[in-house]
C-alpha atoms as a PDB file:
ATOM      1  CA  MET A   1      21.561 -26.992  14.518  1.00  0.00           C
ATOM      2  CA  SER A   2      21.116 -24.174  17.019  1.00  0.00           C
ATOM      3  CA  THR A   3      22.713 -20.768  16.581  1.00  0.00           C
ATOM      4  CA  SER A   4      24.099 -18.482  19.265  1.00  0.00           C
ATOM      5  CA  ILE A   5      23.872 -14.730  19.815  1.00  0.00           C
ATOM      6  CA  PRO A   6      27.017 -13.229  21.371  1.00  0.00           C
ATOM      7  CA  SER A   7      26.647 -11.522  24.726  1.00  0.00           C
ATOM      8  CA  PRO A   8      27.793  -8.036  23.532  1.00  0.00           C
ATOM      9  CA  ALA A   9      24.331  -7.661  21.909  1.00  0.00           C
ATOM     10  CA  ILE A  10      22.764  -7.822  25.371  1.00  0.00           C
ATOM     11  CA  GLN A  11      22.334  -4.620  27.386  1.00  0.00           C
ATOM     12  CA  PRO A  12      20.758  -3.656  30.729  1.00  0.00           C
ATOM     13  CA  ALA A  13      17.345  -2.076  30.101  1.00  0.00           C
ATOM     14  CA  PHE A  14      17.197  -0.469  33.541  1.00  0.00           C
ATOM     15  CA  ASP A  15      20.022   0.695  35.796  1.00  0.00           C
ATOM     16  CA  THR A  16      18.935  -0.894  39.096  1.00  0.00           C
ATOM     17  CA  PRO A  17      18.982  -4.634  39.858  1.00  0.00           C
ATOM     18  CA  MET A  18      16.068  -6.570  41.296  1.00  0.00           C
ATOM     19  CA  GLN A  19      16.347  -9.233  43.951  1.00  0.00           C
ATOM     20  CA  LEU A  20      14.222 -11.663  41.937  1.00  0.00           C
ATOM     21  CA  GLY A  21      12.849 -10.122  38.763  1.00  0.00           C
ATOM     22  CA  GLU A  22       9.974 -11.964  37.096  1.00  0.00           C
ATOM     23  CA  SER A  23       6.919 -11.740  34.825  1.00  0.00           C
ATOM     24  CA  PRO A  24       8.047  -9.018  32.363  1.00  0.00           C
ATOM     25  CA  THR A  25       5.029  -7.769  30.420  1.00  0.00           C
ATOM     26  CA  TRP A  26       4.888  -5.285  27.568  1.00  0.00           C
ATOM     27  CA  VAL A  27       1.769  -3.070  27.535  1.00  0.00           C
ATOM     28  CA  ALA A  28       1.605  -1.603  24.035  1.00  0.00           C
ATOM     29  CA  ALA A  29      -1.039   1.014  24.863  1.00  0.00           C
ATOM     30  CA  GLU A  30       1.435   2.603  27.285  1.00  0.00           C
ATOM     31  CA  ALA A  31       4.637   1.667  25.418  1.00  0.00           C
ATOM     32  CA  ALA A  32       5.718   0.438  28.843  1.00  0.00           C
ATOM     33  CA  LEU A  33       7.399  -2.581  30.363  1.00  0.00           C
ATOM     34  CA  TYR A  34       6.002  -3.906  33.638  1.00  0.00           C
ATOM     35  CA  TRP A  35       7.611  -6.539  35.838  1.00  0.00           C
ATOM     36  CA  ILE A  36       7.689  -7.721  39.450  1.00  0.00           C
ATOM     37  CA  ASP A  37      10.372  -8.293  42.063  1.00  0.00           C
ATOM     38  CA  ILE A  38       9.219 -11.338  43.989  1.00  0.00           C
ATOM     39  CA  ALA A  39      11.629 -11.144  46.916  1.00  0.00           C
ATOM     40  CA  GLY A  40      11.426  -7.330  46.916  1.00  0.00           C
ATOM     41  CA  ARG A  41       7.601  -7.451  47.015  1.00  0.00           C
ATOM     42  CA  ALA A  42       7.292  -4.723  44.405  1.00  0.00           C
ATOM     43  CA  LEU A  43       5.812  -3.968  40.999  1.00  0.00           C
ATOM     44  CA  HIS A  44       7.798  -1.905  38.478  1.00  0.00           C
ATOM     45  CA  ARG A  45       7.107   0.017  35.276  1.00  0.00           C
ATOM     46  CA  LEU A  46       9.584   1.444  32.773  1.00  0.00           C
ATOM     47  CA  HIS A  47       8.992   3.558  29.693  1.00  0.00           C
ATOM     48  CA  PRO A  48      12.101   2.571  27.714  1.00  0.00           C
ATOM     49  CA  HIS A  49      11.907   5.537  25.324  1.00  0.00           C
ATOM     50  CA  SER A  50      11.972   8.173  28.063  1.00  0.00           C
ATOM     51  CA  GLY A  51      13.647   6.124  30.785  1.00  0.00           C
ATOM     52  CA  VAL A  52      10.905   7.095  33.262  1.00  0.00           C
ATOM     53  CA  HIS A  53      10.532   4.467  35.965  1.00  0.00           C
ATOM     54  CA  ALA A  54       7.984   3.928  38.736  1.00  0.00           C
ATOM     55  CA  SER A  55       7.572   1.251  41.392  1.00  0.00           C
ATOM     56  CA  TRP A  56       4.960   0.282  43.944  1.00  0.00           C
ATOM     57  CA  PRO A  57       5.176  -1.911  47.083  1.00  0.00           C
ATOM     58  CA  LEU A  58       2.954  -4.986  47.280  1.00  0.00           C
ATOM     59  CA  PRO A  59       1.390  -6.596  50.373  1.00  0.00           C
ATOM     60  CA  SER A  60       2.985 -10.020  49.770  1.00  0.00           C
ATOM     61  CA  GLU A  61       5.235 -11.738  47.262  1.00  0.00           C
ATOM     62  CA  PRO A  62       3.909 -11.474  43.699  1.00  0.00           C
ATOM     63  CA  GLY A  63       4.160 -14.463  41.388  1.00  0.00           C
ATOM     64  CA  CYS A  64       3.065 -12.925  38.106  1.00  0.00           C
ATOM     65  CA  LEU A  65       1.053 -10.145  36.530  1.00  0.00           C
ATOM     66  CA  ALA A  66      -1.020  -9.696  33.375  1.00  0.00           C
ATOM     67  CA  PRO A  67      -2.676  -6.729  31.670  1.00  0.00           C
ATOM     68  CA  CYS A  68      -6.429  -6.347  32.085  1.00  0.00           C
ATOM     69  CA  ALA A  69      -8.820  -5.624  29.261  1.00  0.00           C
ATOM     70  CA  GLY A  70      -9.809  -1.995  29.711  1.00  0.00           C
ATOM     71  CA  GLY A  71      -6.648  -1.077  31.626  1.00  0.00           C
ATOM     72  CA  GLY A  72      -4.796  -1.908  34.796  1.00  0.00           C
ATOM     73  CA  LEU A  73      -3.230  -5.201  35.797  1.00  0.00           C
ATOM     74  CA  ILE A  74      -4.108  -8.388  37.602  1.00  0.00           C
ATOM     75  CA  VAL A  75      -1.432  -9.540  40.060  1.00  0.00           C
ATOM     76  CA  ALA A  76      -1.191 -13.021  41.563  1.00  0.00           C
ATOM     77  CA  LEU A  77       0.191 -12.568  45.095  1.00  0.00           C
ATOM     78  CA  ARG A  78       0.988 -15.101  47.793  1.00  0.00           C
ATOM     79  CA  CYS A  79      -2.094 -13.846  49.654  1.00  0.00           C
ATOM     80  CA  GLY A  80      -4.387 -14.036  46.610  1.00  0.00           C
ATOM     81  CA  LEU A  81      -5.457 -12.209  43.459  1.00  0.00           C
ATOM     82  CA  ALA A  82      -5.627  -8.433  43.192  1.00  0.00           C
ATOM     83  CA  LEU A  83      -6.280  -5.718  40.643  1.00  0.00           C
ATOM     84  CA  PHE A  84      -3.704  -2.952  40.334  1.00  0.00           C
ATOM     85  CA  ASP A  85      -4.409   0.551  39.014  1.00  0.00           C
ATOM     86  CA  PRO A  86      -1.187   2.252  37.840  1.00  0.00           C
ATOM     87  CA  ALA A  87      -2.950   5.628  37.775  1.00  0.00           C
ATOM     88  CA  ASP A  88      -3.007   5.840  41.572  1.00  0.00           C
ATOM     89  CA  GLY A  89      -1.200   2.690  42.737  1.00  0.00           C
ATOM     90  CA  GLY A  90      -4.419   1.285  44.160  1.00  0.00           C
ATOM     91  CA  ILE A  91      -4.646  -2.452  44.900  1.00  0.00           C
ATOM     92  CA  THR A  92      -8.025  -4.169  45.162  1.00  0.00           C
ATOM     93  CA  SER A  93      -8.254  -7.759  46.381  1.00  0.00           C
ATOM     94  CA  ILE A  94     -10.539  -9.958  44.270  1.00  0.00           C
ATOM     95  CA  ALA A  95      -9.949 -13.503  45.623  1.00  0.00           C
ATOM     96  CA  PRO A  96      -7.998 -15.099  48.502  1.00  0.00           C
ATOM     97  CA  ALA A  97      -5.310 -17.687  47.872  1.00  0.00           C
ATOM     98  CA  PRO A  98      -6.683 -21.233  47.400  1.00  0.00           C
ATOM     99  CA  TYR A  99      -3.751 -22.873  49.249  1.00  0.00           C
ATOM    100  CA  ASP A 100      -1.822 -22.790  52.515  1.00  0.00           C
ATOM    101  CA  THR A 101       0.155 -19.540  52.242  1.00  0.00           C
ATOM    102  CA  ALA A 102       2.697 -20.809  54.785  1.00  0.00           C
ATOM    103  CA  THR A 103       4.099 -23.289  52.241  1.00  0.00           C
ATOM    104  CA  THR A 104       2.760 -22.245  48.841  1.00  0.00           C
ATOM    105  CA  ARG A 105       2.444 -19.182  46.636  1.00  0.00           C
ATOM    106  CA  PHE A 106       1.350 -18.280  43.125  1.00  0.00           C
ATOM    107  CA  ASN A 107       4.134 -18.308  40.554  1.00  0.00           C
ATOM    108  CA  ASP A 108       4.411 -17.930  36.770  1.00  0.00           C
ATOM    109  CA  GLY A 109       1.310 -17.338  34.638  1.00  0.00           C
ATOM    110  CA  ARG A 110      -0.212 -15.999  31.413  1.00  0.00           C
ATOM    111  CA  CYS A 111      -3.607 -15.353  29.855  1.00  0.00           C
ATOM    112  CA  ASP A 112      -5.183 -17.347  27.051  1.00  0.00           C
ATOM    113  CA  SER A 113      -6.918 -15.793  24.038  1.00  0.00           C
ATOM    114  CA  ALA A 114     -10.277 -15.752  25.857  1.00  0.00           C
ATOM    115  CA  GLY A 115      -8.917 -13.712  28.756  1.00  0.00           C
ATOM    116  CA  ARG A 116      -8.494 -16.469  31.343  1.00  0.00           C
ATOM    117  CA  LEU A 117      -5.381 -16.245  33.512  1.00  0.00           C
ATOM    118  CA  TRP A 118      -3.529 -19.536  33.896  1.00  0.00           C
ATOM    119  CA  VAL A 119      -1.185 -19.350  36.866  1.00  0.00           C
ATOM    120  CA  GLY A 120       0.805 -22.085  38.522  1.00  0.00           C
ATOM    121  CA  SER A 121       1.905 -22.380  42.122  1.00  0.00           C
ATOM    122  CA  ILE A 122       5.159 -23.294  43.827  1.00  0.00           C
ATOM    123  CA  TYR A 123       5.361 -25.639  46.807  1.00  0.00           C
ATOM    124  CA  GLU A 124       8.261 -24.090  48.680  1.00  0.00           C
ATOM    125  CA  PRO A 125       9.576 -27.197  50.530  1.00  0.00           C
ATOM    126  CA  ARG A 126      10.112 -28.576  46.979  1.00  0.00           C
ATOM    127  CA  ASP A 127      10.055 -32.173  48.174  1.00  0.00           C
ATOM    128  CA  ARG A 128       6.835 -33.276  46.429  1.00  0.00           C
ATOM    129  CA  PRO A 129       4.355 -32.038  43.785  1.00  0.00           C
ATOM    130  CA  GLN A 130       1.992 -30.099  46.026  1.00  0.00           C
ATOM    131  CA  GLY A 131       1.650 -27.189  43.589  1.00  0.00           C
ATOM    132  CA  THR A 132      -0.748 -27.065  40.667  1.00  0.00           C
ATOM    133  CA  LEU A 133      -1.921 -25.032  37.684  1.00  0.00           C
ATOM    134  CA  TYR A 134      -4.958 -22.811  38.231  1.00  0.00           C
ATOM    135  CA  ARG A 135      -7.435 -21.282  35.808  1.00  0.00           C
ATOM    136  CA  ILE A 136      -8.646 -17.819  36.819  1.00  0.00           C
ATOM    137  CA  GLU A 137     -11.863 -16.839  35.063  1.00  0.00           C
ATOM    138  CA  HIS A 138     -13.808 -13.697  36.039  1.00  0.00           C
ATOM    139  CA  GLY A 139     -12.256 -13.870  39.518  1.00  0.00           C
ATOM    140  CA  ASN A 140     -13.070 -17.545  40.055  1.00  0.00           C
ATOM    141  CA  ILE A 141     -10.191 -19.943  40.742  1.00  0.00           C
ATOM    142  CA  LEU A 142     -10.295 -23.512  39.392  1.00  0.00           C
ATOM    143  CA  ASP A 143      -7.645 -26.177  40.028  1.00  0.00           C
ATOM    144  CA  SER A 144      -6.783 -27.861  36.710  1.00  0.00           C
ATOM    145  CA  GLY A 145      -5.576 -31.027  38.439  1.00  0.00           C
ATOM    146  CA  LYS A 146      -2.018 -30.838  37.088  1.00  0.00           C
ATOM    147  CA  PRO A 147       0.215 -31.504  40.132  1.00  0.00           C
ATOM    148  CA  VAL A 148       3.635 -29.865  40.019  1.00  0.00           C
ATOM    149  CA  THR A 149       6.339 -28.858  42.477  1.00  0.00           C
ATOM    150  CA  VAL A 150       7.442 -25.586  40.851  1.00  0.00           C
ATOM    151  CA  SER A 151       5.151 -24.466  38.017  1.00  0.00           C
ATOM    152  CA  ASN A 152       6.742 -22.215  35.389  1.00  0.00           C
ATOM    153  CA  GLY A 153       6.886 -21.532  31.680  1.00  0.00           C
ATOM    154  CA  VAL A 154       3.154 -21.069  31.058  1.00  0.00           C
ATOM    155  CA  ALA A 155       2.619 -19.945  27.458  1.00  0.00           C
ATOM    156  CA  PHE A 156       0.286 -20.536  24.510  1.00  0.00           C
ATOM    157  CA  SER A 157       0.846 -21.326  20.849  1.00  0.00           C
ATOM    158  CA  PRO A 158      -0.205 -18.617  18.339  1.00  0.00           C
ATOM    159  CA  ASP A 159      -3.396 -20.531  17.461  1.00  0.00           C
ATOM    160  CA  GLY A 160      -4.190 -20.902  21.163  1.00  0.00           C
ATOM    161  CA  ARG A 161      -4.521 -24.675  20.926  1.00  0.00           C
ATOM    162  CA  THR A 162      -1.365 -25.654  22.806  1.00  0.00           C
ATOM    163  CA  LEU A 163      -0.642 -24.792  26.433  1.00  0.00           C
ATOM    164  CA  TYR A 164       2.971 -25.080  27.546  1.00  0.00           C
ATOM    165  CA  GLN A 165       4.070 -25.571  31.157  1.00  0.00           C
ATOM    166  CA  ALA A 166       7.436 -26.271  32.766  1.00  0.00           C
ATOM    167  CA  ASP A 167       8.040 -28.226  35.951  1.00  0.00           C
ATOM    168  CA  THR A 168      11.277 -26.578  36.982  1.00  0.00           C
ATOM    169  CA  SER A 169      12.136 -29.093  39.695  1.00  0.00           C
ATOM    170  CA  ARG A 170      11.825 -31.971  37.237  1.00  0.00           C
ATOM    171  CA  HIS A 171      13.774 -30.173  34.479  1.00  0.00           C
ATOM    172  CA  ALA A 172      10.869 -30.790  32.105  1.00  0.00           C
ATOM    173  CA  ILE A 173       8.608 -28.848  29.731  1.00  0.00           C
ATOM    174  CA  HIS A 174       5.244 -30.274  28.668  1.00  0.00           C
ATOM    175  CA  ALA A 175       2.856 -29.274  25.889  1.00  0.00           C
ATOM    176  CA  TYR A 176      -0.878 -29.897  26.298  1.00  0.00           C
ATOM    177  CA  ASP A 177      -3.749 -29.867  23.847  1.00  0.00           C
ATOM    178  CA  TYR A 178      -5.905 -26.904  24.773  1.00  0.00           C
ATOM    179  CA  ASP A 179      -9.437 -25.825  23.888  1.00  0.00           C
ATOM    180  CA  PRO A 180      -9.461 -22.004  23.994  1.00  0.00           C
ATOM    181  CA  VAL A 181     -13.238 -21.832  23.643  1.00  0.00           C
ATOM    182  CA  ILE A 182     -14.118 -23.687  26.834  1.00  0.00           C
ATOM    183  CA  GLY A 183     -10.718 -23.485  28.538  1.00  0.00           C
ATOM    184  CA  THR A 184      -9.936 -27.161  29.076  1.00  0.00           C
ATOM    185  CA  ILE A 185      -6.607 -28.978  28.999  1.00  0.00           C
ATOM    186  CA  GLY A 186      -6.357 -32.228  27.039  1.00  0.00           C
ATOM    187  CA  ALA A 187      -3.652 -34.758  26.344  1.00  0.00           C
ATOM    188  CA  GLY A 188      -0.072 -33.795  27.090  1.00  0.00           C
ATOM    189  CA  ARG A 189       3.344 -34.676  25.732  1.00  0.00           C
ATOM    190  CA  LEU A 190       6.884 -34.111  26.883  1.00  0.00           C
ATOM    191  CA  LEU A 191       8.315 -31.237  24.860  1.00  0.00           C
ATOM    192  CA  LYS A 192      11.805 -31.255  26.349  1.00  0.00           C
ATOM    193  CA  GLN A 193      13.579 -33.069  29.166  1.00  0.00           C
ATOM    194  CA  PHE A 194      16.811 -31.582  30.497  1.00  0.00           C
ATOM    195  CA  PHE A 195      19.490 -33.456  32.418  1.00  0.00           C
ATOM    196  CA  GLY A 196      22.574 -32.644  34.467  1.00  0.00           C
ATOM    197  CA  GLN A 197      23.709 -32.100  38.032  1.00  0.00           C
ATOM    198  CA  ARG A 198      23.202 -28.591  39.414  1.00  0.00           C
ATOM    199  CA  LEU A 199      26.754 -28.284  40.761  1.00  0.00           C
ATOM    200  CA  ALA A 200      28.433 -29.701  37.660  1.00  0.00           C
ATOM    201  CA  PRO A 201      30.541 -27.243  35.604  1.00  0.00           C
ATOM    202  CA  ASP A 202      28.590 -28.073  32.440  1.00  0.00           C
ATOM    203  CA  TYR A 203      25.130 -27.771  34.026  1.00  0.00           C
ATOM    204  CA  GLY A 204      22.807 -26.230  31.454  1.00  0.00           C
ATOM    205  CA  GLY A 205      20.111 -25.055  33.844  1.00  0.00           C
ATOM    206  CA  ARG A 206      16.456 -25.871  34.422  1.00  0.00           C
ATOM    207  CA  PRO A 207      13.435 -24.390  32.616  1.00  0.00           C
ATOM    208  CA  ASP A 208      11.904 -21.287  34.180  1.00  0.00           C
ATOM    209  CA  GLY A 209       9.734 -18.618  32.504  1.00  0.00           C
ATOM    210  CA  ALA A 210       8.899 -18.643  28.809  1.00  0.00           C
ATOM    211  CA  ALA A 211       7.236 -16.859  25.889  1.00  0.00           C
ATOM    212  CA  VAL A 212       6.107 -17.881  22.389  1.00  0.00           C
ATOM    213  CA  ASP A 213       7.058 -15.790  19.350  1.00  0.00           C
ATOM    214  CA  SER A 214       5.135 -15.086  16.135  1.00  0.00           C
ATOM    215  CA  GLU A 215       6.510 -18.214  14.454  1.00  0.00           C
ATOM    216  CA  GLY A 216       5.321 -20.423  17.305  1.00  0.00           C
ATOM    217  CA  ALA A 217       8.760 -21.018  18.813  1.00  0.00           C
ATOM    218  CA  TYR A 218       8.947 -21.400  22.590  1.00  0.00           C
ATOM    219  CA  TRP A 219      11.590 -19.227  24.257  1.00  0.00           C
ATOM    220  CA  CYS A 220      12.678 -20.596  27.638  1.00  0.00           C
ATOM    221  CA  ALA A 221      14.879 -19.090  30.367  1.00  0.00           C
ATOM    222  CA  MET A 222      17.277 -21.707  31.732  1.00  0.00           C
ATOM    223  CA  TYR A 223      17.695 -20.812  35.401  1.00  0.00           C
ATOM    224  CA  ASP A 224      21.181 -21.534  36.737  1.00  0.00           C
ATOM    225  CA  GLY A 225      22.304 -22.232  33.179  1.00  0.00           C
ATOM    226  CA  GLY A 226      23.048 -18.682  32.013  1.00  0.00           C
ATOM    227  CA  ARG A 227      21.163 -19.016  28.740  1.00  0.00           C
ATOM    228  CA  LEU A 228      17.926 -18.787  26.803  1.00  0.00           C
ATOM    229  CA  LEU A 229      16.704 -21.471  24.428  1.00  0.00           C
ATOM    230  CA  ARG A 230      14.383 -21.065  21.454  1.00  0.00           C
ATOM    231  CA  LEU A 231      12.573 -24.354  20.880  1.00  0.00           C
ATOM    232  CA  ALA A 232      10.523 -25.535  17.919  1.00  0.00           C
ATOM    233  CA  PRO A 233       7.052 -26.985  18.659  1.00  0.00           C
ATOM    234  CA  ASP A 234       8.647 -30.461  18.511  1.00  0.00           C
ATOM    235  CA  GLY A 235      11.296 -29.532  21.101  1.00  0.00           C
ATOM    236  CA  THR A 236      14.199 -29.072  18.683  1.00  0.00           C
ATOM    237  CA  VAL A 237      16.620 -26.368  19.844  1.00  0.00           C
ATOM    238  CA  LEU A 238      16.579 -23.629  17.207  1.00  0.00           C
ATOM    239  CA  ARG A 239      18.752 -21.077  18.998  1.00  0.00           C
ATOM    240  CA  GLU A 240      20.775 -20.660  22.164  1.00  0.00           C
ATOM    241  CA  VAL A 241      21.489 -17.224  23.633  1.00  0.00           C
ATOM    242  CA  ARG A 242      24.279 -17.059  26.200  1.00  0.00           C
ATOM    243  CA  LEU A 243      23.701 -14.431  28.884  1.00  0.00           C
ATOM    244  CA  PRO A 244      26.033 -12.423  31.156  1.00  0.00           C
ATOM    245  CA  VAL A 245      24.115 -13.749  34.195  1.00  0.00           C
ATOM    246  CA  ARG A 246      23.667 -17.181  35.704  1.00  0.00           C
ATOM    247  CA  CYS A 247      19.938 -17.035  36.488  1.00  0.00           C
ATOM    248  CA  PRO A 248      17.528 -15.678  33.859  1.00  0.00           C
ATOM    249  CA  THR A 249      13.923 -16.066  34.984  1.00  0.00           C
ATOM    250  CA  MET A 250      11.541 -15.020  32.172  1.00  0.00           C
ATOM    251  CA  MET A 251      11.225 -12.948  29.017  1.00  0.00           C
ATOM    252  CA  THR A 252       8.743 -10.941  26.974  1.00  0.00           C
ATOM    253  CA  PHE A 253       8.683  -9.210  23.589  1.00  0.00           C
ATOM    254  CA  GLY A 254       8.443  -5.429  23.487  1.00  0.00           C
ATOM    255  CA  GLY A 255       9.049  -2.283  21.493  1.00  0.00           C
ATOM    256  CA  ASP A 256       7.015  -0.995  18.567  1.00  0.00           C
ATOM    257  CA  ASP A 257       7.974  -3.990  16.427  1.00  0.00           C
ATOM    258  CA  LEU A 258       7.980  -6.577  19.257  1.00  0.00           C
ATOM    259  CA  ARG A 259      11.579  -7.428  18.364  1.00  0.00           C
ATOM    260  CA  THR A 260      13.138  -6.353  21.654  1.00  0.00           C
ATOM    261  CA  LEU A 261      13.429  -9.251  24.051  1.00  0.00           C
ATOM    262  CA  TYR A 262      13.297  -8.150  27.704  1.00  0.00           C
ATOM    263  CA  ILE A 263      14.711 -10.656  30.187  1.00  0.00           C
ATOM    264  CA  THR A 264      14.309 -10.642  33.970  1.00  0.00           C
ATOM    265  CA  THR A 265      17.074 -12.144  36.105  1.00  0.00           C
ATOM    266  CA  ALA A 266      17.828 -13.011  39.735  1.00  0.00           C
ATOM    267  CA  ARG A 267      20.470 -12.169  42.341  1.00  0.00           C
ATOM    268  CA  HIS A 268      18.524 -13.139  45.489  1.00  0.00           C
ATOM    269  CA  ASN A 269      20.323 -15.867  47.483  1.00  0.00           C
ATOM    270  CA  ARG A 270      23.054 -16.197  44.849  1.00  0.00           C
ATOM    271  CA  PRO A 271      26.649 -16.819  46.031  1.00  0.00           C
ATOM    272  CA  ALA A 272      28.914 -13.795  46.411  1.00  0.00           C
ATOM    273  CA  THR A 273      31.473 -15.299  44.023  1.00  0.00           C
ATOM    274  CA  GLU A 274      28.779 -15.649  41.365  1.00  0.00           C
ATOM    275  CA  LEU A 275      27.729 -12.010  41.725  1.00  0.00           C
ATOM    276  CA  GLN A 276      31.358 -10.944  41.401  1.00  0.00           C
ATOM    277  CA  HIS A 277      31.679 -12.823  38.118  1.00  0.00           C
ATOM    278  CA  HIS A 278      28.193 -11.860  36.911  1.00  0.00           C
ATOM    279  CA  PRO A 279      27.587  -8.278  38.115  1.00  0.00           C
ATOM    280  CA  LEU A 280      24.488  -7.894  35.913  1.00  0.00           C
ATOM    281  CA  SER A 281      22.626 -10.507  37.953  1.00  0.00           C
ATOM    282  CA  GLY A 282      19.217  -9.104  38.908  1.00  0.00           C
ATOM    283  CA  TYR A 283      19.116  -6.570  36.080  1.00  0.00           C
ATOM    284  CA  ILE A 284      16.483  -6.373  33.360  1.00  0.00           C
ATOM    285  CA  LEU A 285      18.344  -7.231  30.153  1.00  0.00           C
ATOM    286  CA  SER A 286      17.388  -6.556  26.552  1.00  0.00           C
ATOM    287  CA  LEU A 287      18.491  -7.672  23.123  1.00  0.00           C
ATOM    288  CA  ARG A 288      17.209  -7.321  19.595  1.00  0.00           C
ATOM    289  CA  ILE A 289      15.963 -10.447  17.832  1.00  0.00           C
ATOM    290  CA  ASP A 290      15.071 -11.280  14.231  1.00  0.00           C
ATOM    291  CA  VAL A 291      11.658 -12.891  14.692  1.00  0.00           C
ATOM    292  CA  PRO A 292       9.056 -10.631  16.330  1.00  0.00           C
ATOM    293  CA  GLY A 293       7.097 -11.793  19.321  1.00  0.00           C
ATOM    294  CA  ARG A 294       3.430 -11.457  20.209  1.00  0.00           C
ATOM    295  CA  LEU A 295       1.586  -9.290  22.690  1.00  0.00           C
ATOM    296  CA  ASP A 296       0.306 -10.972  25.829  1.00  0.00           C
ATOM    297  CA  HIS A 297      -3.439 -11.524  25.959  1.00  0.00           C
ATOM    298  CA  ALA A 298      -5.341  -9.445  28.515  1.00  0.00           C
ATOM    299  CA  TYR A 299      -7.312 -10.743  31.453  1.00  0.00           C
ATOM    300  CA  VAL A 300     -11.075 -10.273  31.159  1.00  0.00           C
ATOM    301  CA  ARG A 301     -12.536  -9.309  34.525  1.00  0.00           C
END
């Protein structure tokens, strides 16, 4: 049976809302939280201990970011891949987008234990699976051949041998056998299928961004459902966390003990009545959890 954390335990981590917050990433070497605002075309950094915040504009919509081995970040933008240096805000393009940027952009992604960035794409008309999941290795982009309409929820099991991916449009999460040595995806299985009509009062949302904790549980943000789910590797719901927003987008583990869960949320294109009832929409939220998370792997250039 799942357990629930009451909303009073959840607090804003930063005092300014995003339009579409995504890809929160904890960089332990800096004790800093990074994230992106997709619709705002910006990259943000917060040092939670001091409250010092910085932001930088980006040339096109970002889909995700990841730390780089040796420092800096890799950012997957609509226009392609770029390296970002927080020391001076410099952005260096490393590869153009492998798709038609008029209809498609990079979306959610994460690195495997060998330093490859796996990043999915979103086909914006959302009427057929024209997106895919890409493997980025030393600046080279390879299509994995996994068609999807809106790719999300990319994460890896602690042993690195399972790759998770959500197809948000299909309300489904899949788990794939994964070889971290050579970086190939094997057989897949349905981890969790969600149902419900989007306008129904009891709609539970559709799977968006995700993260895996130290016990191997898969945390998933349920967009439009106002909740997070913690799933066992067999898809069993272990915990449900109700949120004071309708549209959580992704989460990461941070703090010295990796027991602070940071959650990005959205307010872009949300109805005015929803924002009145959920004024924290768009804010970065945080709550303390019992099971620590894991640090994100770094991209190897």
